[in-house]
Amino acid sequence: MFNSAEEIHQHIGQSMFDALPEQWDKAYCDIGLSRENTCGFMAGTYYTGGEEKFYSVDIIDGVLKYSQCDEAFYALYKMMKKDESDIPWNKARFELESDGSYDVKTKFDEDYIIYTGLDADAAEFDSLSRDFHLAIESWEGLPDDMPCPWKRGSYDKSIFLQGNSDDQQQTESEQAILSSYWQQAGEINETLELSFLNPYLADYPHWHGSTRDIVLVKPPEWENQIVATSGLSSPEAPFEIYLETNEPIQRFNSSWQMNLIQTIGGIIPNIDNFKERLIKHRFLTLQLDMDGAPEEWSVDHPDGNIGMFIGLDNAHINHDHLNFLPINIKLMRPDELLYCLDKAAQGREEIAELYKQQGQATLSCLDRTSVLQNN
């Protein structure tokens, strides 16, 4: 994809420029490699009028768009390797000035390479404070006055390089896939981790499971796909929300389906007794505030412009073979949402019946007509 360092620099610089606001003075894009071919973190900061602010190269005008900057940094890393055992760097920084000039800095952070080699389930990892996590997953790394639980010089180079080994251990994302409830329902083709270390998710709620992922699942003998949470609820009463789609997903982490699930995953943990409410009322509606939504799917309402219908039964999912409750969410047309808001429980029952009559009741797609169009 990238044939020279110049192409890499141009790609990262242009991606930063596209994602930054109109007014800025200086900007950074930082990356840390947890393995030779795995991004541990990527963060963007910029300065305007002396004030530090955050941005993401994967968000342009409020819309998720995959920038491929991680791929560019991987390519740069490979170009700089002297041989198979060489680790040229595990942190890199791209500095961009508003006049277009730039600089690329790299460094080897010994603390970070030890940190990324820790077992996430080990007591040693659990004992680390949030400040410790945030400090080590930054360009600067651990400050000198912050206590460190390991001995300097004790890093294991082979763990970092294991991405090139045929008998490598499972990566964290692979472990998350294998531990996902959705493994029971089909093949997991994509996993997006909602890292609590990501500054753009600082206000995003903690989930109750062992992971906080969004997955793309392809059930067997079924033409549609599922985009779902993985780790949303507690193991004592497990449930996950999902959206069924028949539209091809080229860029999972910038798709509208993923964006909806991520938004809903940030709301449900703050709803008291969500599962009990759904069981009691059978069907629920949820309103989201989402920028950039197509006008034909957006309603002018103080509680949110996008409506979601919750609780439809999916005949393709055999609950008898699952040890968790999959909860369907369906994208609503504006008139369908307003109808439910006006008629409350009765309206939800009537809309649910109309969805069944329309066919593929649990499906969410952007070319679906309203069930109220001819009623």
Protein backbone atom coordinates (compact mmCIF):
# COMPACT_ATOMS: atom_id res chain seq x y z
CA MET A 1 0.00 0.00 0.00
CA PHE A 2 2.83 2.38 0.87
CA ASN A 3 5.96 2.35 -1.27
CA SER A 4 8.07 4.96 0.50
CA ALA A 5 8.45 6.88 3.75
CA GLU A 6 7.32 10.00 1.87
CA GLU A 7 4.00 8.34 0.96
CA ILE A 8 3.52 7.33 4.60
CA HIS A 9 4.23 10.86 5.82
CA GLN A 10 1.85 12.37 3.27
CA HIS A 11 -0.92 9.94 4.21
CA ILE A 12 -0.68 10.56 7.96
CA GLY A 13 -0.33 14.32 7.53
CA GLN A 14 -3.33 14.54 5.19
CA SER A 15 -5.43 12.35 7.51
CA MET A 16 -4.60 14.63 10.42
CA PHE A 17 -5.40 17.74 8.39
CA ASP A 18 -8.78 16.29 7.30
CA ALA A 19 -9.76 15.47 10.90
CA LEU A 20 -8.61 18.72 12.53
CA PRO A 21 -10.88 21.77 12.96
CA GLU A 22 -10.41 24.93 10.93
CA GLN A 23 -8.37 26.69 13.62
CA TRP A 24 -5.30 25.00 15.11
CA ASP A 25 -1.64 25.81 15.62
CA LYS A 26 0.11 22.48 16.13
CA ALA A 27 -1.10 18.87 16.15
CA TYR A 28 0.19 15.44 17.11
CA CYS A 29 -0.76 11.89 16.18
CA ASP A 30 0.77 9.36 18.59
CA ILE A 31 0.81 5.57 18.33
CA GLY A 32 2.03 2.81 20.59
CA LEU A 33 2.60 -0.74 19.37
CA SER A 34 1.62 -3.45 21.84
CA ARG A 35 2.97 -6.05 19.41
CA GLU A 36 4.98 -5.68 16.26
CA ASN A 37 1.83 -5.61 14.12
CA THR A 38 -0.76 -4.51 16.71
CA CYS A 39 -1.77 -0.98 17.71
CA GLY A 40 -1.96 -0.58 21.50
CA PHE A 41 -3.12 3.01 21.34
CA MET A 42 -3.41 5.86 18.87
CA ALA A 43 -4.25 9.33 20.11
CA GLY A 44 -4.45 12.81 18.63
CA THR A 45 -3.95 16.16 20.33
CA TYR A 46 -3.81 19.68 18.96
CA TYR A 47 -3.22 23.18 20.30
CA THR A 48 -5.12 26.35 19.56
CA GLY A 49 -4.44 29.55 21.43
CA GLY A 50 -2.26 27.64 23.87
CA GLU A 51 -5.10 25.27 24.84
CA GLU A 52 -4.68 21.49 24.45
CA LYS A 53 -7.57 19.63 22.84
CA PHE A 54 -8.19 16.08 21.58
CA TYR A 55 -9.19 14.81 18.16
CA SER A 56 -9.22 11.50 16.26
CA VAL A 57 -7.85 10.86 12.78
CA ASP A 58 -10.77 8.44 12.36
CA ILE A 59 -13.48 11.05 12.98
CA ILE A 60 -14.20 13.73 10.36
CA ASP A 61 -17.00 16.22 11.06
CA GLY A 62 -18.44 13.87 13.68
CA VAL A 63 -18.51 10.84 11.36
CA LEU A 64 -16.35 7.76 11.87
CA LYS A 65 -14.07 7.17 8.87
CA TYR A 66 -11.19 4.71 8.91
CA SER A 67 -8.04 6.76 8.17
CA GLN A 68 -5.65 3.78 7.85
CA CYS A 69 -3.08 5.75 9.84
CA ASP A 70 -2.35 2.64 11.90
CA GLU A 71 -1.49 0.81 8.67
CA ALA A 72 0.78 3.70 7.69
CA PHE A 73 2.64 3.52 10.98
CA TYR A 74 2.98 -0.27 10.63
CA ALA A 75 4.51 0.24 7.19
CA LEU A 76 6.94 2.80 8.61
CA TYR A 77 7.95 0.37 11.35
CA LYS A 78 8.69 -2.38 8.81
CA MET A 79 10.77 -0.01 6.67
CA MET A 80 12.89 0.88 9.68
CA LYS A 81 13.59 -2.72 10.81
CA LYS A 82 17.20 -3.78 10.29
CA ASP A 83 16.48 -7.51 10.65
CA GLU A 84 13.83 -9.88 12.01
CA SER A 85 14.93 -9.46 15.63
CA ASP A 86 15.17 -5.67 15.51
CA ILE A 87 12.64 -3.46 17.31
CA PRO A 88 13.27 0.03 15.90
CA TRP A 89 10.56 1.61 18.07
CA ASN A 90 7.33 0.91 19.89
CA LYS A 91 6.10 4.51 20.08
CA ALA A 92 5.92 7.05 17.29
CA ARG A 93 4.77 10.66 17.05
CA PHE A 94 3.81 12.64 13.94
CA GLU A 95 4.05 16.40 14.58
CA LEU A 96 2.22 18.68 12.16
CA GLU A 97 2.42 22.48 12.03
CA SER A 98 -0.39 24.61 10.62
CA ASP A 99 1.95 25.79 7.82
CA GLY A 100 2.25 22.18 6.59
CA SER A 101 5.70 21.40 7.98
CA TYR A 102 6.05 18.20 9.95
CA ASP A 103 8.39 15.98 11.90
CA VAL A 104 8.30 12.27 12.75
CA LYS A 105 9.74 11.04 16.03
CA THR A 106 10.12 7.46 17.25
CA LYS A 107 11.38 5.92 20.47
CA PHE A 108 11.69 2.66 22.33
CA ASP A 109 9.78 2.76 25.64
CA GLU A 110 10.95 -0.14 27.80
CA ASP A 111 8.18 0.34 30.36
CA TYR A 112 5.52 0.20 27.67
CA ILE A 113 6.86 -3.02 26.18
CA ILE A 114 6.78 -4.67 29.62
CA TYR A 115 3.30 -3.28 30.26
CA THR A 116 1.88 -4.67 27.00
CA GLY A 117 3.33 -8.07 27.87
CA LEU A 118 1.34 -8.33 31.11
CA ASP A 119 -1.59 -10.70 31.45
CA ALA A 120 -4.70 -8.49 31.51
CA ASP A 121 -6.32 -10.88 34.00
CA ALA A 122 -3.34 -10.99 36.37
CA ALA A 123 -3.36 -9.32 39.79
CA GLU A 124 -0.31 -7.28 38.77
CA PHE A 125 -2.33 -5.66 35.98
CA ASP A 126 -5.41 -5.10 38.15
CA SER A 127 -3.30 -3.28 40.75
CA LEU A 128 -2.32 -0.54 38.30
CA SER A 129 -4.17 2.74 38.73
CA ARG A 130 -6.04 4.58 36.00
CA ASP A 131 -3.40 7.33 36.15
CA PHE A 132 -0.73 4.68 35.56
CA HIS A 133 -2.58 3.33 32.50
CA LEU A 134 -3.09 6.81 31.06
CA ALA A 135 0.55 7.79 31.65
CA ILE A 136 2.12 4.72 30.12
CA GLU A 137 -0.18 4.82 27.09
CA SER A 138 1.07 8.24 26.09
CA TRP A 139 4.01 9.55 24.09
CA GLU A 140 5.78 10.78 27.21
CA GLY A 141 5.33 7.51 29.13
CA LEU A 142 5.69 7.11 32.89
CA PRO A 143 6.95 10.16 34.77
CA ASP A 144 10.08 9.65 36.86
CA ASP A 145 8.20 10.14 40.15
CA MET A 146 5.54 7.48 39.42
CA PRO A 147 6.26 4.14 41.17
CA CYS A 148 6.80 1.28 38.75
CA PRO A 149 5.92 -2.33 39.74
CA TRP A 150 8.59 -3.99 37.60
CA LYS A 151 12.35 -3.97 37.32
CA ARG A 152 13.86 -2.01 34.45
CA GLY A 153 15.65 -4.19 31.91
CA SER A 154 13.27 -7.11 32.43
CA TYR A 155 11.33 -6.89 29.17
CA ASP A 156 10.91 -9.94 26.95
CA LYS A 157 11.59 -9.03 23.33
CA SER A 158 10.08 -12.32 22.08
CA ILE A 159 6.60 -11.36 23.33
CA PHE A 160 6.61 -8.17 21.28
CA LEU A 161 7.92 -9.99 18.19
CA GLN A 162 5.56 -12.95 18.51
CA GLY A 163 3.26 -11.46 15.86
CA ASN A 164 5.66 -12.93 13.29
CA SER A 165 5.69 -16.41 14.84
CA ASP A 166 3.58 -19.24 13.45
CA ASP A 167 2.99 -20.60 16.94
CA GLN A 168 2.26 -17.20 18.49
CA GLN A 169 0.03 -16.90 21.52
CA GLN A 170 -3.42 -15.42 21.07
CA THR A 171 -3.59 -11.65 20.87
CA GLU A 172 -5.94 -9.79 23.18
CA SER A 173 -8.47 -9.31 20.37
CA GLU A 174 -8.39 -13.04 19.58
CA GLN A 175 -8.95 -13.85 23.24
CA ALA A 176 -11.90 -11.46 23.28
CA ILE A 177 -13.39 -13.20 20.25
CA LEU A 178 -13.05 -16.63 21.82
CA SER A 179 -14.62 -15.46 25.07
CA SER A 180 -17.53 -13.71 23.39
CA TYR A 181 -21.04 -15.08 23.88
CA TRP A 182 -21.53 -14.51 20.16
CA GLN A 183 -19.07 -17.30 19.42
CA GLN A 184 -22.08 -19.55 20.10
CA ALA A 185 -24.15 -17.83 17.43
CA GLY A 186 -21.76 -17.73 14.48
CA GLU A 187 -18.38 -16.69 13.14
CA ILE A 188 -16.99 -13.42 14.52
CA ASN A 189 -15.36 -11.59 11.61
CA GLU A 190 -14.54 -8.24 13.24
CA THR A 191 -13.94 -7.01 16.78
CA LEU A 192 -13.69 -3.36 17.82
CA GLU A 193 -12.46 -2.75 21.37
CA LEU A 194 -13.89 0.28 23.17
CA SER A 195 -10.78 0.85 25.26
CA PHE A 196 -11.25 2.70 28.54
CA LEU A 197 -7.83 4.25 27.88
CA ASN A 198 -9.10 6.02 24.76
CA PRO A 199 -9.46 9.73 25.69
CA TYR A 200 -12.43 10.04 23.32
CA LEU A 201 -14.28 7.43 25.38
CA ALA A 202 -13.44 9.01 28.73
CA ASP A 203 -17.13 9.58 29.50
CA TYR A 204 -18.26 6.26 28.01
CA PRO A 205 -19.70 4.02 30.75
CA HIS A 206 -18.08 0.83 31.97
CA TRP A 207 -19.84 -2.35 30.94
CA HIS A 208 -20.42 -5.20 33.37
CA GLY A 209 -18.74 -8.00 31.41
CA SER A 210 -15.08 -8.89 31.04
CA THR A 211 -14.80 -7.12 27.67
CA ARG A 212 -16.13 -3.93 26.09
CA ASP A 213 -16.21 -4.81 22.41
CA ILE A 214 -18.42 -4.47 19.37
CA VAL A 215 -18.39 -7.51 17.11
CA LEU A 216 -19.49 -8.37 13.58
CA VAL A 217 -21.02 -11.86 13.51
CA LYS A 218 -21.98 -14.04 10.54
CA PRO A 219 -24.45 -16.71 11.72
CA PRO A 220 -24.34 -19.99 9.77
CA GLU A 221 -26.88 -20.58 7.00
CA TRP A 222 -28.13 -17.01 7.24
CA GLU A 223 -27.62 -14.30 4.63
CA ASN A 224 -27.62 -11.39 7.09
CA GLN A 225 -24.98 -10.25 9.57
CA ILE A 226 -25.13 -9.15 13.21
CA VAL A 227 -23.42 -6.14 14.77
CA ALA A 228 -23.49 -6.56 18.54
CA THR A 229 -22.10 -5.66 21.93
CA SER A 230 -19.83 -8.14 23.68
CA GLY A 231 -19.48 -7.66 27.42
CA LEU A 232 -22.41 -5.30 27.98
CA SER A 233 -24.02 -7.15 30.90
CA SER A 234 -22.93 -9.04 33.99
CA PRO A 235 -22.21 -12.81 33.82
CA GLU A 236 -24.95 -13.37 36.42
CA ALA A 237 -27.70 -12.23 34.02
CA PRO A 238 -26.05 -12.00 30.61
CA PHE A 239 -27.60 -10.23 27.66
CA GLU A 240 -26.22 -8.46 24.61
CA ILE A 241 -27.84 -6.06 22.15
CA TYR A 242 -27.53 -6.57 18.41
CA LEU A 243 -28.56 -5.07 15.11
CA GLU A 244 -29.28 -7.29 12.10
CA THR A 245 -28.21 -5.96 8.72
CA ASN A 246 -28.19 -7.16 5.12
CA GLU A 247 -26.01 -4.34 3.84
CA PRO A 248 -22.31 -5.01 3.07
CA ILE A 249 -19.95 -3.50 5.65
CA GLN A 250 -16.67 -2.42 4.08
CA ARG A 251 -15.21 -0.48 7.02
CA PHE A 252 -16.59 -1.94 10.22
CA ASN A 253 -15.25 0.69 12.62
CA SER A 254 -16.77 3.54 10.58
CA SER A 255 -20.07 1.87 9.62
CA TRP A 256 -23.45 3.29 10.61
CA GLN A 257 -24.35 -0.07 12.14
CA MET A 258 -21.34 0.01 14.48
CA ASN A 259 -21.99 3.66 15.30
CA LEU A 260 -25.55 2.87 16.40
CA ILE A 261 -24.46 -0.05 18.60
CA GLN A 262 -21.70 2.02 20.19
CA THR A 263 -24.13 4.85 20.94
CA ILE A 264 -26.72 2.49 22.46
CA GLY A 265 -23.99 0.71 24.43
CA GLY A 266 -23.25 4.04 26.05
CA ILE A 267 -26.87 4.49 27.15
CA ILE A 268 -28.13 1.10 28.35
CA PRO A 269 -25.67 0.75 31.28
CA ASN A 270 -27.21 3.91 32.70
CA ILE A 271 -30.79 2.55 32.49
CA ASP A 272 -31.82 0.95 35.76
CA ASN A 273 -33.13 -2.61 35.45
CA PHE A 274 -33.05 -2.51 31.66
CA LYS A 275 -33.52 -6.26 31.18
CA GLU A 276 -36.36 -6.38 33.74
CA ARG A 277 -38.10 -3.45 32.04
CA LEU A 278 -37.91 -5.20 28.68
CA ILE A 279 -39.31 -8.43 30.10
CA LYS A 280 -42.14 -6.51 31.79
CA HIS A 281 -43.12 -4.32 28.83
CA ARG A 282 -42.06 -6.75 26.02
CA PHE A 283 -41.18 -3.89 23.64
CA LEU A 284 -39.36 -0.61 24.28
CA THR A 285 -38.26 2.36 22.21
CA LEU A 286 -35.03 4.31 22.65
CA GLN A 287 -34.11 7.72 21.26
CA LEU A 288 -30.57 8.73 20.32
CA ASP A 289 -28.95 12.08 19.62
CA MET A 290 -26.85 11.51 16.51
CA ASP A 291 -25.20 14.10 14.28
CA GLY A 292 -25.03 13.60 10.54
CA ALA A 293 -28.01 11.23 10.33
CA PRO A 294 -29.85 11.11 6.97
CA GLU A 295 -32.76 13.57 7.02
CA GLU A 296 -35.27 10.88 6.06
CA TRP A 297 -34.36 8.90 9.19
CA SER A 298 -34.18 11.85 11.57
CA VAL A 299 -36.99 13.41 13.60
CA ASP A 300 -37.02 16.78 15.31
CA HIS A 301 -37.55 15.79 18.94
CA PRO A 302 -35.97 17.06 22.19
CA ASP A 303 -35.27 13.51 23.43
CA GLY A 304 -33.32 12.44 20.36
CA ASN A 305 -33.56 12.43 16.56
CA ILE A 306 -33.09 8.67 15.94
CA GLY A 307 -35.53 6.02 17.13
CA MET A 308 -34.71 2.40 17.96
CA PHE A 309 -37.25 -0.37 18.56
CA ILE A 310 -36.17 -2.96 21.12
CA GLY A 311 -37.33 -6.51 21.76
CA LEU A 312 -38.45 -8.10 18.49
CA ASP A 313 -38.08 -11.89 18.33
CA ASN A 314 -35.68 -13.29 15.75
CA ALA A 315 -36.70 -16.66 14.31
CA HIS A 316 -33.14 -17.26 13.06
CA ILE A 317 -31.66 -17.27 16.57
CA ASN A 318 -32.24 -20.43 18.57
CA HIS A 319 -32.22 -19.28 22.19
CA ASP A 320 -32.11 -22.88 23.44
CA HIS A 321 -28.48 -23.16 22.34
CA LEU A 322 -27.36 -19.87 23.93
CA ASN A 323 -26.49 -19.11 27.55
CA PHE A 324 -27.24 -15.40 27.16
CA LEU A 325 -30.18 -13.31 25.96
CA PRO A 326 -29.66 -11.62 22.56
CA ILE A 327 -31.81 -8.47 22.37
CA ASN A 328 -32.66 -7.09 18.95
CA ILE A 329 -32.65 -3.36 18.24
CA LYS A 330 -34.22 -2.06 15.03
CA LEU A 331 -33.80 1.30 13.33
CA MET A 332 -37.16 3.09 13.18
CA ARG A 333 -38.55 5.46 10.61
CA PRO A 334 -39.47 8.85 12.15
CA ASP A 335 -43.24 8.35 11.77
CA GLU A 336 -42.96 4.92 13.44
CA LEU A 337 -41.21 6.48 16.44
CA LEU A 338 -43.75 9.28 16.75
CA TYR A 339 -46.58 6.74 16.56
CA CYS A 340 -45.10 4.77 19.46
CA LEU A 341 -44.51 7.91 21.51
CA ASP A 342 -48.12 8.96 20.98
CA LYS A 343 -49.76 5.59 21.71
CA ALA A 344 -47.24 4.24 24.26
CA ALA A 345 -47.49 0.47 24.97
CA GLN A 346 -50.38 -0.07 22.56
CA GLY A 347 -48.46 1.70 19.81
CA ARG A 348 -45.39 -0.47 20.37
CA GLU A 349 -47.48 -3.63 20.13
CA GLU A 350 -49.09 -2.42 16.90
CA ILE A 351 -45.76 -1.40 15.35
CA ALA A 352 -44.23 -4.78 16.29
CA GLU A 353 -47.08 -6.55 14.50
CA LEU A 354 -46.63 -4.33 11.42
CA TYR A 355 -42.90 -5.12 11.38
CA LYS A 356 -43.74 -8.84 11.30
CA GLN A 357 -46.20 -8.30 8.46
CA GLN A 358 -43.58 -6.35 6.51
CA GLY A 359 -41.18 -9.31 6.66
CA GLN A 360 -37.70 -9.71 8.17
CA ALA A 361 -38.99 -7.92 11.25
CA THR A 362 -35.64 -7.67 13.03
CA LEU A 363 -33.73 -6.31 10.01
CA SER A 364 -32.31 -2.77 9.97
CA CYS A 365 -31.54 -1.33 6.54
CA LEU A 366 -31.57 2.16 5.07
CA ASP A 367 -33.84 1.32 2.13
CA ARG A 368 -36.72 -0.01 4.25
CA THR A 369 -40.03 1.81 3.85
CA SER A 370 -42.16 2.82 6.82
CA VAL A 371 -44.71 0.25 7.98
CA LEU A 372 -47.15 3.14 8.38
CA GLN A 373 -46.83 4.25 4.76
CA ASN A 374 -50.01 2.45 3.67
CA ASN A 375 -51.79 2.42 7.04
